[in-house]
Structures are given as C-alpha cells and as structure tokens.
C-alpha atoms as a PDB file:
ATOM      1  CA  MET A   1      12.859 -13.150  -3.535  1.00  0.00           C
ATOM      2  CA  ILE A   2       9.574 -12.180  -5.185  1.00  0.00           C
ATOM      3  CA  MET A   3       9.545  -9.505  -7.880  1.00  0.00           C
ATOM      4  CA  PRO A   4       7.542  -6.374  -6.978  1.00  0.00           C
ATOM      5  CA  MET A   5       5.150  -6.447  -9.972  1.00  0.00           C
ATOM      6  CA  LYS A   6       4.392 -10.130  -9.385  1.00  0.00           C
ATOM      7  CA  MET A   7       3.748  -9.373  -5.721  1.00  0.00           C
ATOM      8  CA  LEU A   8       1.271  -6.647  -6.702  1.00  0.00           C
ATOM      9  CA  GLU A   9      -0.441  -8.977  -9.159  1.00  0.00           C
ATOM     10  CA  GLU A  10      -0.790 -11.726  -6.547  1.00  0.00           C
ATOM     11  CA  ASN A  11      -2.193  -9.325  -3.943  1.00  0.00           C
ATOM     12  CA  LEU A  12      -4.704  -7.472  -6.102  1.00  0.00           C
ATOM     13  CA  ASN A  13      -7.987  -7.082  -4.156  1.00  0.00           C
ATOM     14  CA  LYS A  14      -6.263  -8.291  -0.975  1.00  0.00           C
ATOM     15  CA  LYS A  15      -5.082  -6.486   2.161  1.00  0.00           C
ATOM     16  CA  VAL A  16      -1.572  -5.033   2.062  1.00  0.00           C
ATOM     17  CA  ALA A  17       0.541  -2.776   4.266  1.00  0.00           C
ATOM     18  CA  LEU A  18       2.787  -0.119   2.737  1.00  0.00           C
ATOM     19  CA  LEU A  19       5.763   1.445   4.458  1.00  0.00           C
ATOM     20  CA  LEU A  20       6.278   4.906   2.981  1.00  0.00           C
ATOM     21  CA  LYS A  21       9.472   6.962   2.776  1.00  0.00           C
ATOM     22  CA  ASP A  22       8.214   9.245   5.558  1.00  0.00           C
ATOM     23  CA  ASN A  23       7.849   6.167   7.844  1.00  0.00           C
ATOM     24  CA  ARG A  24       4.049   6.147   7.742  1.00  0.00           C
ATOM     25  CA  ILE A  25       2.346   2.775   7.438  1.00  0.00           C
ATOM     26  CA  LEU A  26      -0.816   2.528   5.353  1.00  0.00           C
ATOM     27  CA  GLU A  27      -2.966  -0.597   5.398  1.00  0.00           C
ATOM     28  CA  GLY A  28      -5.727  -1.221   2.911  1.00  0.00           C
ATOM     29  CA  THR A  29      -7.058  -3.271   0.024  1.00  0.00           C
ATOM     30  CA  LEU A  30      -4.983  -3.058  -3.157  1.00  0.00           C
ATOM     31  CA  SER A  31      -7.537  -2.266  -5.855  1.00  0.00           C
ATOM     32  CA  GLY A  32      -5.212  -1.244  -8.691  1.00  0.00           C
ATOM     33  CA  TYR A  33      -1.687  -0.424  -9.835  1.00  0.00           C
ATOM     34  CA  ASP A  34       0.226   0.563 -12.959  1.00  0.00           C
ATOM     35  CA  GLU A  35       3.611  -0.125 -14.563  1.00  0.00           C
ATOM     36  CA  TYR A  36       5.220   2.587 -12.382  1.00  0.00           C
ATOM     37  CA  MET A  37       3.999   0.812  -9.234  1.00  0.00           C
ATOM     38  CA  ASN A  38       1.583   3.652  -8.451  1.00  0.00           C
ATOM     39  CA  MET A  39      -1.148   2.036  -6.376  1.00  0.00           C
ATOM     40  CA  VAL A  40      -4.804   2.570  -5.509  1.00  0.00           C
ATOM     41  CA  LEU A  41      -5.823   1.334  -2.062  1.00  0.00           C
ATOM     42  CA  ASP A  42      -9.355   1.190  -0.671  1.00  0.00           C
ATOM     43  CA  GLU A  43     -10.455   1.252   2.983  1.00  0.00           C
ATOM     44  CA  VAL A  44      -7.072   2.661   3.998  1.00  0.00           C
ATOM     45  CA  GLU A  45      -6.014   3.147   7.598  1.00  0.00           C
ATOM     46  CA  GLU A  46      -2.893   5.052   8.632  1.00  0.00           C
ATOM     47  CA  ASN A  47      -1.265   3.603  11.719  1.00  0.00           C
ATOM     48  CA  THR A  48       1.396   5.464  13.678  1.00  0.00           C
ATOM     49  CA  GLU A  49       2.530   5.222  17.290  1.00  0.00           C
ATOM     50  CA  ASN A  50      -0.142   7.583  18.602  1.00  0.00           C
ATOM     51  CA  LEU A  51      -2.605   7.857  15.731  1.00  0.00           C
ATOM     52  CA  ASN A  52      -4.960   5.547  13.878  1.00  0.00           C
ATOM     53  CA  ARG A  53      -7.104   7.219  11.243  1.00  0.00           C
ATOM     54  CA  LYS A  54      -9.253   6.086   8.351  1.00  0.00           C
ATOM     55  CA  LEU A  55      -8.362   7.667   5.006  1.00  0.00           C
ATOM     56  CA  GLY A  56     -10.760   5.870   2.649  1.00  0.00           C
ATOM     57  CA  THR A  57      -9.451   5.487  -0.922  1.00  0.00           C
ATOM     58  CA  VAL A  58      -5.938   6.758  -1.657  1.00  0.00           C
ATOM     59  CA  ILE A  59      -3.560   6.829  -4.608  1.00  0.00           C
ATOM     60  CA  ILE A  60       0.085   6.236  -3.690  1.00  0.00           C
ATOM     61  CA  ARG A  61       2.963   7.180  -5.944  1.00  0.00           C
ATOM     62  CA  GLY A  62       5.193   4.121  -6.383  1.00  0.00           C
ATOM     63  CA  SER A  63       8.394   6.081  -5.717  1.00  0.00           C
ATOM     64  CA  ASN A  64       7.170   6.820  -2.164  1.00  0.00           C
ATOM     65  CA  VAL A  65       6.864   3.148  -1.207  1.00  0.00           C
ATOM     66  CA  VAL A  66       9.710   1.474   0.673  1.00  0.00           C
ATOM     67  CA  ARG A  67       8.064  -1.900   1.401  1.00  0.00           C
ATOM     68  CA  ILE A  68       4.880  -3.779   0.506  1.00  0.00           C
ATOM     69  CA  SER A  69       3.694  -6.539   2.845  1.00  0.00           C
ATOM     70  CA  PRO A  70       0.690  -8.840   2.392  1.00  0.00           C
ATOM     71  CA  ARG A  71      -1.669  -8.929   5.394  1.00  0.00           C
END
C-alpha cells in the first residue's frame, strides 16, 4: 500500500481524481499540497451522474478527501 503523502508527491502536476466525503468526484491536475493534505487542483471538472461542470482551480481541504486516484 502506498502512503498518501508519497502518492501526492508522485502525482504532482499530473491528473488525479478525488472522491470527497459528500460523494462528489473531482478530476483535475494536482498543482500543490501541504502537510495537512490540503490540495490545489487546476482544470477541475466535477462529475456526477447527471452533471459535468468545469470548476477551474480549486482548493480542497484534506479532511474532505476519501480517496485519491491517479488518472
């Protein structure tokens, strides 16, 4: 199993998908993070069953993330 901080380091400036606590999925380019696993994503798209929308650049609080997947 890969450690979360190492996973973030390896995927910096690459596409990732985040599953959030409220079951939303955000996909974008990981452009930064900190020691609390707060993340900055660029070119973000939110994908749900009946909605796809572009959000641009977002900052995600690490405590809201359930899963991080490389794309």
